[in-house]
Amino acid sequence: MILYPNAKINLGLNVVEKRPDGYHNIETVFYPIGLCDVLEVEPSETCSDYSFSSSGIAIDGDPEDNLIVKAYHLLRSGYQFPAVDISLIKQIPFGAGLGGGSSDAAFMLKALNEMFELKATPNRLEKLAAKLGADCPVFIKNKAVFATGIGNVFAPIKLSLKGKFLVLVKPDIHVSTPEAYALVVPQKPEVSLADLIQLPVNEWKDTIKNDFEVSVFAKYPAIEKIKDKLYEMGAVYASMSGSGSSVYGIFDTEPERTDAFDGCFLAGGVLD
């Protein structure tokens, strides 16, 4: 079975408060985009547990620490199914606020559930995914949602960017999630993002923000310059995604040139 775990962008991100457990309550809108990894999962004929291989963007560290492998172990702790061979082509960059690892893990849960007819419901898979990471559950149903809590409480939202053009830029800078949260100052917004997101996209520039930008831009001015450049190119809205270093611009039509980002990872296309 071959699957294509996709990335997401955050349309606005308010860090509302720090919780007693050390996590933060947020509000954001997750929106799936077309940038994908390639995940292949097949029943194994050679091993009794699992095998894992990867290509594309290099993945450092022990495979046991990979969220895909953790998803495999988590599901196997509650369900019986054969060993598998796992192969990943990594194309979504790390430390970018795009949820690539979380998406890989969620799609792994869905793949095993379908391959071996485990009959876990989407709600059950969301609960399992939440044990792997705050961003993982959103990739189970993989729809645009308004998210609260630590990013794992979802409410449906009427929003479509279909036909808009996305330009995604990730400089050679890694912003870790703990680093980003350590710098941000939580604050409850005067108007909920759930209301602001209903405004026309060309009004988002002055109303919808990502709370991480203030501290991240101060430490990494190159990231802010990318956002400024996207607006210069004609973006109707531009923002950093999540807590990572990638910045995206939403355009009414495909921009004439995107060659201003030498040395950066660049992706884009028409949004669904």
C-alpha atoms as a PDB file:
ATOM      1  CA  MET A   1       0.000   0.000   0.000  1.00  0.00           C
ATOM      2  CA  ILE A   2       1.323   3.418  -0.989  1.00  0.00           C
ATOM      3  CA  LEU A   3       0.089   6.559   0.729  1.00  0.00           C
ATOM      4  CA  TYR A   4       0.935  10.239   0.437  1.00  0.00           C
ATOM      5  CA  PRO A   5       1.045  11.905   3.876  1.00  0.00           C
ATOM      6  CA  ASN A   6       0.511  15.596   3.264  1.00  0.00           C
ATOM      7  CA  ALA A   7       1.674  18.708   5.064  1.00  0.00           C
ATOM      8  CA  LYS A   8      -0.506  21.384   6.661  1.00  0.00           C
ATOM      9  CA  ILE A   9      -0.254  25.094   7.190  1.00  0.00           C
ATOM     10  CA  ASN A  10      -1.600  27.098  10.110  1.00  0.00           C
ATOM     11  CA  LEU A  11      -3.939  29.937   9.230  1.00  0.00           C
ATOM     12  CA  GLY A  12      -3.402  32.043  12.325  1.00  0.00           C
ATOM     13  CA  LEU A  13      -2.077  30.754  15.625  1.00  0.00           C
ATOM     14  CA  ASN A  14      -2.908  32.252  19.004  1.00  0.00           C
ATOM     15  CA  VAL A  15      -1.054  30.950  22.052  1.00  0.00           C
ATOM     16  CA  VAL A  16      -3.786  31.516  24.603  1.00  0.00           C
ATOM     17  CA  GLU A  17      -2.361  30.319  27.919  1.00  0.00           C
ATOM     18  CA  LYS A  18       0.123  27.995  29.566  1.00  0.00           C
ATOM     19  CA  ARG A  19      -1.438  24.944  31.154  1.00  0.00           C
ATOM     20  CA  PRO A  20      -0.582  23.422  34.539  1.00  0.00           C
ATOM     21  CA  ASP A  21       0.869  20.385  32.722  1.00  0.00           C
ATOM     22  CA  GLY A  22       3.419  22.606  30.945  1.00  0.00           C
ATOM     23  CA  TYR A  23       1.705  22.527  27.552  1.00  0.00           C
ATOM     24  CA  HIS A  24      -0.037  25.529  25.993  1.00  0.00           C
ATOM     25  CA  ASN A  25      -3.630  26.026  24.919  1.00  0.00           C
ATOM     26  CA  ILE A  26      -3.829  27.466  21.441  1.00  0.00           C
ATOM     27  CA  GLU A  27      -6.333  28.293  18.757  1.00  0.00           C
ATOM     28  CA  THR A  28      -5.476  27.824  15.118  1.00  0.00           C
ATOM     29  CA  VAL A  29      -6.864  26.674  11.804  1.00  0.00           C
ATOM     30  CA  PHE A  30      -5.177  23.665  10.240  1.00  0.00           C
ATOM     31  CA  TYR A  31      -5.380  23.605   6.452  1.00  0.00           C
ATOM     32  CA  PRO A  32      -4.041  20.625   4.452  1.00  0.00           C
ATOM     33  CA  ILE A  33      -1.781  21.331   1.471  1.00  0.00           C
ATOM     34  CA  GLY A  34      -0.448  19.272  -1.412  1.00  0.00           C
ATOM     35  CA  LEU A  35       3.195  18.879  -0.336  1.00  0.00           C
ATOM     36  CA  CYS A  36       3.536  15.161   0.490  1.00  0.00           C
ATOM     37  CA  ASP A  37       5.855  12.419   1.662  1.00  0.00           C
ATOM     38  CA  VAL A  38       5.511   8.955   0.137  1.00  0.00           C
ATOM     39  CA  LEU A  39       4.840   6.100   2.570  1.00  0.00           C
ATOM     40  CA  GLU A  40       4.805   2.454   1.495  1.00  0.00           C
ATOM     41  CA  VAL A  41       3.669  -0.277   3.895  1.00  0.00           C
ATOM     42  CA  GLU A  42       3.573  -3.966   3.015  1.00  0.00           C
ATOM     43  CA  PRO A  43       3.259  -7.213   5.012  1.00  0.00           C
ATOM     44  CA  SER A  44       6.772  -8.485   5.637  1.00  0.00           C
ATOM     45  CA  GLU A  45       8.006 -11.837   4.384  1.00  0.00           C
ATOM     46  CA  THR A  46      11.373 -11.588   6.117  1.00  0.00           C
ATOM     47  CA  CYS A  47      11.011 -10.081   9.595  1.00  0.00           C
ATOM     48  CA  SER A  48       9.025 -10.837  12.723  1.00  0.00           C
ATOM     49  CA  ASP A  49       8.499  -7.221  13.776  1.00  0.00           C
ATOM     50  CA  TYR A  50       9.136  -4.439  11.255  1.00  0.00           C
ATOM     51  CA  SER A  51      11.737  -3.051   8.868  1.00  0.00           C
ATOM     52  CA  PHE A  52      12.132   0.647   8.117  1.00  0.00           C
ATOM     53  CA  SER A  53      14.005   2.396   5.334  1.00  0.00           C
ATOM     54  CA  SER A  54      13.964   5.977   4.111  1.00  0.00           C
ATOM     55  CA  SER A  55      15.239   8.140   1.285  1.00  0.00           C
ATOM     56  CA  GLY A  56      14.874  11.761   0.259  1.00  0.00           C
ATOM     57  CA  ILE A  57      15.517  14.253   3.068  1.00  0.00           C
ATOM     58  CA  ALA A  58      17.863  12.547   5.537  1.00  0.00           C
ATOM     59  CA  ILE A  59      16.294  11.305   8.775  1.00  0.00           C
ATOM     60  CA  ASP A  60      18.744  11.268  11.660  1.00  0.00           C
ATOM     61  CA  GLY A  61      18.515   9.195  14.814  1.00  0.00           C
ATOM     62  CA  ASP A  62      17.301   5.774  15.852  1.00  0.00           C
ATOM     63  CA  PRO A  63      14.336   4.448  13.812  1.00  0.00           C
ATOM     64  CA  GLU A  64      12.657   3.581  17.117  1.00  0.00           C
ATOM     65  CA  ASP A  65      12.321   7.328  17.718  1.00  0.00           C
ATOM     66  CA  ASN A  66      10.572   7.903  14.403  1.00  0.00           C
ATOM     67  CA  LEU A  67       6.862   8.690  14.749  1.00  0.00           C
ATOM     68  CA  ILE A  68       6.003   6.173  12.023  1.00  0.00           C
ATOM     69  CA  VAL A  69       7.597   3.375  14.025  1.00  0.00           C
ATOM     70  CA  LYS A  70       5.992   4.654  17.217  1.00  0.00           C
ATOM     71  CA  ALA A  71       2.616   4.559  15.451  1.00  0.00           C
ATOM     72  CA  TYR A  72       3.290   0.964  14.437  1.00  0.00           C
ATOM     73  CA  HIS A  73       4.150  -0.064  17.997  1.00  0.00           C
ATOM     74  CA  LEU A  74       1.192   1.842  19.450  1.00  0.00           C
ATOM     75  CA  LEU A  75      -1.318   0.132  17.184  1.00  0.00           C
ATOM     76  CA  ARG A  76       0.294  -3.282  17.609  1.00  0.00           C
ATOM     77  CA  SER A  77      -0.009  -2.964  21.393  1.00  0.00           C
ATOM     78  CA  GLY A  78      -3.800  -3.112  21.057  1.00  0.00           C
ATOM     79  CA  TYR A  79      -4.373  -5.054  17.825  1.00  0.00           C
ATOM     80  CA  GLN A  80      -2.990  -8.207  16.265  1.00  0.00           C
ATOM     81  CA  PHE A  81      -1.552  -7.970  12.777  1.00  0.00           C
ATOM     82  CA  PRO A  82       1.536  -9.225  10.917  1.00  0.00           C
ATOM     83  CA  ALA A  83       4.957  -7.607  10.725  1.00  0.00           C
ATOM     84  CA  VAL A  84       5.441  -5.002   8.018  1.00  0.00           C
ATOM     85  CA  ASP A  85       8.106  -3.482   5.800  1.00  0.00           C
ATOM     86  CA  ILE A  86       7.973   0.322   5.883  1.00  0.00           C
ATOM     87  CA  SER A  87       9.550   2.602   3.285  1.00  0.00           C
ATOM     88  CA  LEU A  88       9.434   6.390   3.369  1.00  0.00           C
ATOM     89  CA  ILE A  89      10.434   9.002   0.805  1.00  0.00           C
ATOM     90  CA  LYS A  90      10.815  12.118   2.934  1.00  0.00           C
ATOM     91  CA  GLN A  91       9.926  15.321   1.081  1.00  0.00           C
ATOM     92  CA  ILE A  92       8.358  17.533   3.783  1.00  0.00           C
ATOM     93  CA  PRO A  93      11.172  19.397   5.562  1.00  0.00           C
ATOM     94  CA  PHE A  94      11.734  19.137   9.304  1.00  0.00           C
ATOM     95  CA  GLY A  95      11.445  22.014  11.769  1.00  0.00           C
ATOM     96  CA  ALA A  96       9.205  23.880   9.371  1.00  0.00           C
ATOM     97  CA  GLY A  97       5.840  23.975  11.143  1.00  0.00           C
ATOM     98  CA  LEU A  98       4.314  21.789   8.430  1.00  0.00           C
ATOM     99  CA  GLY A  99       3.482  18.705  10.514  1.00  0.00           C
ATOM    100  CA  GLY A 100       5.333  16.280   8.261  1.00  0.00           C
ATOM    101  CA  GLY A 101       6.285  13.781  10.949  1.00  0.00           C
ATOM    102  CA  SER A 102       2.830  13.970  12.503  1.00  0.00           C
ATOM    103  CA  SER A 103       1.224  13.330   9.123  1.00  0.00           C
ATOM    104  CA  ASP A 104       3.487  10.326   8.502  1.00  0.00           C
ATOM    105  CA  ALA A 105       2.422   8.832  11.843  1.00  0.00           C
ATOM    106  CA  ALA A 106      -1.283   9.436  11.266  1.00  0.00           C
ATOM    107  CA  PHE A 107      -1.154   7.935   7.785  1.00  0.00           C
ATOM    108  CA  MET A 108       0.687   4.934   9.223  1.00  0.00           C
ATOM    109  CA  LEU A 109      -2.188   4.340  11.627  1.00  0.00           C
ATOM    110  CA  LYS A 110      -4.674   4.629   8.776  1.00  0.00           C
ATOM    111  CA  ALA A 111      -2.650   2.328   6.534  1.00  0.00           C
ATOM    112  CA  LEU A 112      -2.422  -0.457   9.104  1.00  0.00           C
ATOM    113  CA  ASN A 113      -6.094  -0.082   9.997  1.00  0.00           C
ATOM    114  CA  GLU A 114      -7.113  -0.477   6.353  1.00  0.00           C
ATOM    115  CA  MET A 115      -4.585  -3.145   5.354  1.00  0.00           C
ATOM    116  CA  PHE A 116      -5.424  -5.493   8.186  1.00  0.00           C
ATOM    117  CA  GLU A 117      -9.115  -4.583   8.581  1.00  0.00           C
ATOM    118  CA  LEU A 118      -8.695  -3.614  12.232  1.00  0.00           C
ATOM    119  CA  LYS A 119     -11.983  -1.682  12.130  1.00  0.00           C
ATOM    120  CA  ALA A 120     -10.769   1.185  14.289  1.00  0.00           C
ATOM    121  CA  THR A 121     -13.089   4.164  13.780  1.00  0.00           C
ATOM    122  CA  PRO A 122     -11.721   7.586  12.788  1.00  0.00           C
ATOM    123  CA  ASN A 123     -12.481   8.843  16.299  1.00  0.00           C
ATOM    124  CA  ARG A 124     -10.539   5.925  17.772  1.00  0.00           C
ATOM    125  CA  LEU A 125      -7.619   6.624  15.445  1.00  0.00           C
ATOM    126  CA  GLU A 126      -7.674  10.288  16.494  1.00  0.00           C
ATOM    127  CA  LYS A 127      -7.384   9.273  20.142  1.00  0.00           C
ATOM    128  CA  LEU A 128      -4.462   7.001  19.331  1.00  0.00           C
ATOM    129  CA  ALA A 129      -2.811   9.689  17.209  1.00  0.00           C
ATOM    130  CA  ALA A 130      -3.050  12.146  20.125  1.00  0.00           C
ATOM    131  CA  LYS A 131      -0.706   9.865  22.076  1.00  0.00           C
ATOM    132  CA  LEU A 132       1.943  10.413  19.398  1.00  0.00           C
ATOM    133  CA  GLY A 133       1.828  14.210  19.197  1.00  0.00           C
ATOM    134  CA  ALA A 134      -0.451  17.233  19.340  1.00  0.00           C
ATOM    135  CA  ASP A 135      -0.525  17.686  15.544  1.00  0.00           C
ATOM    136  CA  CYS A 136      -1.122  14.024  14.692  1.00  0.00           C
ATOM    137  CA  PRO A 137      -4.915  13.748  15.120  1.00  0.00           C
ATOM    138  CA  VAL A 138      -5.751  16.383  12.515  1.00  0.00           C
ATOM    139  CA  PHE A 139      -4.309  14.185   9.763  1.00  0.00           C
ATOM    140  CA  ILE A 140      -6.743  11.330  10.451  1.00  0.00           C
ATOM    141  CA  LYS A 141      -9.719  13.062   8.821  1.00  0.00           C
ATOM    142  CA  ASN A 142      -7.365  15.457   7.054  1.00  0.00           C
ATOM    143  CA  LYS A 143      -9.749  18.397   6.662  1.00  0.00           C
ATOM    144  CA  ALA A 144      -9.560  22.094   7.461  1.00  0.00           C
ATOM    145  CA  VAL A 145     -10.560  22.520  11.102  1.00  0.00           C
ATOM    146  CA  PHE A 146     -10.564  25.102  13.867  1.00  0.00           C
ATOM    147  CA  ALA A 147      -8.388  23.628  16.612  1.00  0.00           C
ATOM    148  CA  THR A 148      -8.183  24.462  20.312  1.00  0.00           C
ATOM    149  CA  GLY A 149      -6.710  22.778  23.389  1.00  0.00           C
ATOM    150  CA  ILE A 150      -3.128  21.827  22.573  1.00  0.00           C
ATOM    151  CA  GLY A 151      -4.209  21.638  18.942  1.00  0.00           C
ATOM    152  CA  ASN A 152      -6.148  18.405  19.358  1.00  0.00           C
ATOM    153  CA  VAL A 153      -9.744  19.595  19.908  1.00  0.00           C
ATOM    154  CA  PHE A 154     -11.405  20.134  16.552  1.00  0.00           C
ATOM    155  CA  ALA A 155     -14.464  22.003  15.354  1.00  0.00           C
ATOM    156  CA  PRO A 156     -15.644  21.997  11.737  1.00  0.00           C
ATOM    157  CA  ILE A 157     -15.153  25.216   9.833  1.00  0.00           C
ATOM    158  CA  LYS A 158     -16.573  26.561   6.602  1.00  0.00           C
ATOM    159  CA  LEU A 159     -13.454  27.565   4.732  1.00  0.00           C
ATOM    160  CA  SER A 160     -12.153  26.951   1.249  1.00  0.00           C
ATOM    161  CA  LEU A 161      -9.083  28.347  -0.437  1.00  0.00           C
ATOM    162  CA  LYS A 162      -9.755  26.303  -3.561  1.00  0.00           C
ATOM    163  CA  GLY A 163      -8.163  27.906  -6.590  1.00  0.00           C
ATOM    164  CA  LYS A 164      -5.792  30.147  -4.605  1.00  0.00           C
ATOM    165  CA  PHE A 165      -2.080  29.688  -5.277  1.00  0.00           C
ATOM    166  CA  LEU A 166       0.295  28.809  -2.456  1.00  0.00           C
ATOM    167  CA  VAL A 167       4.005  29.606  -2.325  1.00  0.00           C
ATOM    168  CA  LEU A 168       5.838  27.903   0.539  1.00  0.00           C
ATOM    169  CA  VAL A 169       9.378  28.899   1.507  1.00  0.00           C
ATOM    170  CA  LYS A 170      11.561  27.239   4.129  1.00  0.00           C
ATOM    171  CA  PRO A 171      15.013  28.717   4.769  1.00  0.00           C
ATOM    172  CA  ASP A 172      17.900  26.628   6.058  1.00  0.00           C
ATOM    173  CA  ILE A 173      16.860  27.399   9.635  1.00  0.00           C
ATOM    174  CA  HIS A 174      15.450  24.906  12.105  1.00  0.00           C
ATOM    175  CA  VAL A 175      13.136  26.279  14.782  1.00  0.00           C
ATOM    176  CA  SER A 176      12.313  23.612  17.349  1.00  0.00           C
ATOM    177  CA  THR A 177       8.861  23.599  18.939  1.00  0.00           C
ATOM    178  CA  PRO A 178      10.232  23.821  22.533  1.00  0.00           C
ATOM    179  CA  GLU A 179      12.402  26.770  21.473  1.00  0.00           C
ATOM    180  CA  ALA A 180       9.450  28.589  19.924  1.00  0.00           C
ATOM    181  CA  TYR A 181       7.200  28.071  22.940  1.00  0.00           C
ATOM    182  CA  ALA A 182       9.939  29.174  25.338  1.00  0.00           C
ATOM    183  CA  LEU A 183      10.045  32.573  23.622  1.00  0.00           C
ATOM    184  CA  VAL A 184       6.339  33.268  23.142  1.00  0.00           C
ATOM    185  CA  VAL A 185       4.158  35.250  25.567  1.00  0.00           C
ATOM    186  CA  PRO A 186       0.663  33.692  25.901  1.00  0.00           C
ATOM    187  CA  GLN A 187      -2.259  36.082  25.534  1.00  0.00           C
ATOM    188  CA  LYS A 188      -5.990  35.591  25.031  1.00  0.00           C
ATOM    189  CA  PRO A 189      -7.127  37.255  21.796  1.00  0.00           C
ATOM    190  CA  GLU A 190      -9.817  39.935  21.842  1.00  0.00           C
ATOM    191  CA  VAL A 191     -11.575  38.272  18.905  1.00  0.00           C
ATOM    192  CA  SER A 192     -11.525  34.530  18.343  1.00  0.00           C
ATOM    193  CA  LEU A 193      -9.740  33.223  15.275  1.00  0.00           C
ATOM    194  CA  ALA A 194     -12.899  31.223  14.536  1.00  0.00           C
ATOM    195  CA  ASP A 195     -14.607  34.543  13.747  1.00  0.00           C
ATOM    196  CA  LEU A 196     -11.659  36.234  12.012  1.00  0.00           C
ATOM    197  CA  ILE A 197     -11.133  33.359   9.606  1.00  0.00           C
ATOM    198  CA  GLN A 198     -14.570  34.044   8.117  1.00  0.00           C
ATOM    199  CA  LEU A 199     -13.400  37.433   6.840  1.00  0.00           C
ATOM    200  CA  PRO A 200     -12.329  37.730   3.183  1.00  0.00           C
ATOM    201  CA  VAL A 201      -8.750  36.518   2.690  1.00  0.00           C
ATOM    202  CA  ASN A 202      -7.573  39.972   1.656  1.00  0.00           C
ATOM    203  CA  GLU A 203      -8.525  41.225   5.138  1.00  0.00           C
ATOM    204  CA  TRP A 204      -6.491  38.598   6.999  1.00  0.00           C
ATOM    205  CA  LYS A 205      -3.251  40.587   6.737  1.00  0.00           C
ATOM    206  CA  ASP A 206      -4.442  43.123   9.296  1.00  0.00           C
ATOM    207  CA  THR A 207      -6.441  40.767  11.521  1.00  0.00           C
ATOM    208  CA  ILE A 208      -4.985  37.241  11.656  1.00  0.00           C
ATOM    209  CA  LYS A 209      -1.566  36.652  13.191  1.00  0.00           C
ATOM    210  CA  ASN A 210       0.777  33.930  14.346  1.00  0.00           C
ATOM    211  CA  ASP A 211       1.914  34.610  17.912  1.00  0.00           C
ATOM    212  CA  PHE A 212       5.245  32.886  17.304  1.00  0.00           C
ATOM    213  CA  GLU A 213       6.320  35.437  14.713  1.00  0.00           C
ATOM    214  CA  VAL A 214       7.275  38.180  17.190  1.00  0.00           C
ATOM    215  CA  SER A 215       9.904  36.149  19.007  1.00  0.00           C
ATOM    216  CA  VAL A 216      11.002  33.968  16.079  1.00  0.00           C
ATOM    217  CA  PHE A 217      11.462  36.961  13.761  1.00  0.00           C
ATOM    218  CA  ALA A 218      13.489  38.737  16.458  1.00  0.00           C
ATOM    219  CA  LYS A 219      15.872  35.790  16.668  1.00  0.00           C
ATOM    220  CA  TYR A 220      15.839  34.882  12.967  1.00  0.00           C
ATOM    221  CA  PRO A 221      15.341  38.070  10.882  1.00  0.00           C
ATOM    222  CA  ALA A 222      15.811  36.083   7.669  1.00  0.00           C
ATOM    223  CA  ILE A 223      12.422  34.460   8.251  1.00  0.00           C
ATOM    224  CA  GLU A 224      10.705  37.846   8.531  1.00  0.00           C
ATOM    225  CA  LYS A 225      12.371  38.967   5.296  1.00  0.00           C
ATOM    226  CA  ILE A 226      10.783  36.019   3.488  1.00  0.00           C
ATOM    227  CA  LYS A 227       7.334  37.088   4.681  1.00  0.00           C
ATOM    228  CA  ASP A 228       7.990  40.665   3.541  1.00  0.00           C
ATOM    229  CA  LYS A 229       9.143  39.413   0.144  1.00  0.00           C
ATOM    230  CA  LEU A 230       5.991  37.340  -0.337  1.00  0.00           C
ATOM    231  CA  TYR A 231       3.899  40.452   0.226  1.00  0.00           C
ATOM    232  CA  GLU A 232       6.090  42.366  -2.230  1.00  0.00           C
ATOM    233  CA  MET A 233       5.342  39.634  -4.771  1.00  0.00           C
ATOM    234  CA  GLY A 234       1.611  40.224  -4.362  1.00  0.00           C
ATOM    235  CA  ALA A 235       0.482  37.750  -1.694  1.00  0.00           C
ATOM    236  CA  VAL A 236      -2.947  38.560  -0.279  1.00  0.00           C
ATOM    237  CA  TYR A 237      -1.885  36.888   2.967  1.00  0.00           C
ATOM    238  CA  ALA A 238       1.460  35.633   4.259  1.00  0.00           C
ATOM    239  CA  SER A 239       2.432  34.021   7.533  1.00  0.00           C
ATOM    240  CA  MET A 240       4.818  31.701   9.285  1.00  0.00           C
ATOM    241  CA  SER A 241       3.296  28.236   9.649  1.00  0.00           C
ATOM    242  CA  GLY A 242       3.031  26.778  13.126  1.00  0.00           C
ATOM    243  CA  SER A 243       6.101  27.223  15.283  1.00  0.00           C
ATOM    244  CA  GLY A 244       8.541  26.329  12.539  1.00  0.00           C
ATOM    245  CA  SER A 245      10.593  28.294  10.072  1.00  0.00           C
ATOM    246  CA  SER A 246       8.533  27.932   6.905  1.00  0.00           C
ATOM    247  CA  VAL A 247       6.595  30.919   5.586  1.00  0.00           C
ATOM    248  CA  TYR A 248       3.790  30.748   3.063  1.00  0.00           C
ATOM    249  CA  GLY A 249       2.068  33.249   0.833  1.00  0.00           C
ATOM    250  CA  ILE A 250      -1.463  32.916  -0.530  1.00  0.00           C
ATOM    251  CA  PHE A 251      -1.959  34.490  -3.953  1.00  0.00           C
ATOM    252  CA  ASP A 252      -5.025  35.024  -6.105  1.00  0.00           C
ATOM    253  CA  THR A 253      -3.029  33.797  -9.103  1.00  0.00           C
ATOM    254  CA  GLU A 254       0.381  32.213  -9.622  1.00  0.00           C
ATOM    255  CA  PRO A 255       3.089  34.868  -9.069  1.00  0.00           C
ATOM    256  CA  GLU A 256       5.268  35.709 -12.057  1.00  0.00           C
ATOM    257  CA  ARG A 257       8.542  34.885 -10.281  1.00  0.00           C
ATOM    258  CA  THR A 258       9.617  32.844  -7.290  1.00  0.00           C
ATOM    259  CA  ASP A 259      13.371  32.987  -7.843  1.00  0.00           C
ATOM    260  CA  ALA A 260      13.961  35.353  -4.936  1.00  0.00           C
ATOM    261  CA  PHE A 261      14.536  32.592  -2.411  1.00  0.00           C
ATOM    262  CA  ASP A 262      17.922  31.139  -3.295  1.00  0.00           C
ATOM    263  CA  GLY A 263      19.111  28.512  -0.824  1.00  0.00           C
ATOM    264  CA  CYS A 264      15.600  27.869   0.482  1.00  0.00           C
ATOM    265  CA  PHE A 265      13.282  24.902   0.132  1.00  0.00           C
ATOM    266  CA  LEU A 266      10.507  26.022  -2.200  1.00  0.00           C
ATOM    267  CA  ALA A 267       7.133  24.434  -2.927  1.00  0.00           C
ATOM    268  CA  GLY A 268       3.745  25.561  -4.087  1.00  0.00           C
ATOM    269  CA  GLY A 269       0.754  25.032  -6.258  1.00  0.00           C
ATOM    270  CA  VAL A 270      -2.979  25.529  -6.531  1.00  0.00           C
ATOM    271  CA  LEU A 271      -4.862  24.855  -3.297  1.00  0.00           C
ATOM    272  CA  ASP A 272      -7.781  22.423  -3.080  1.00  0.00           C
END
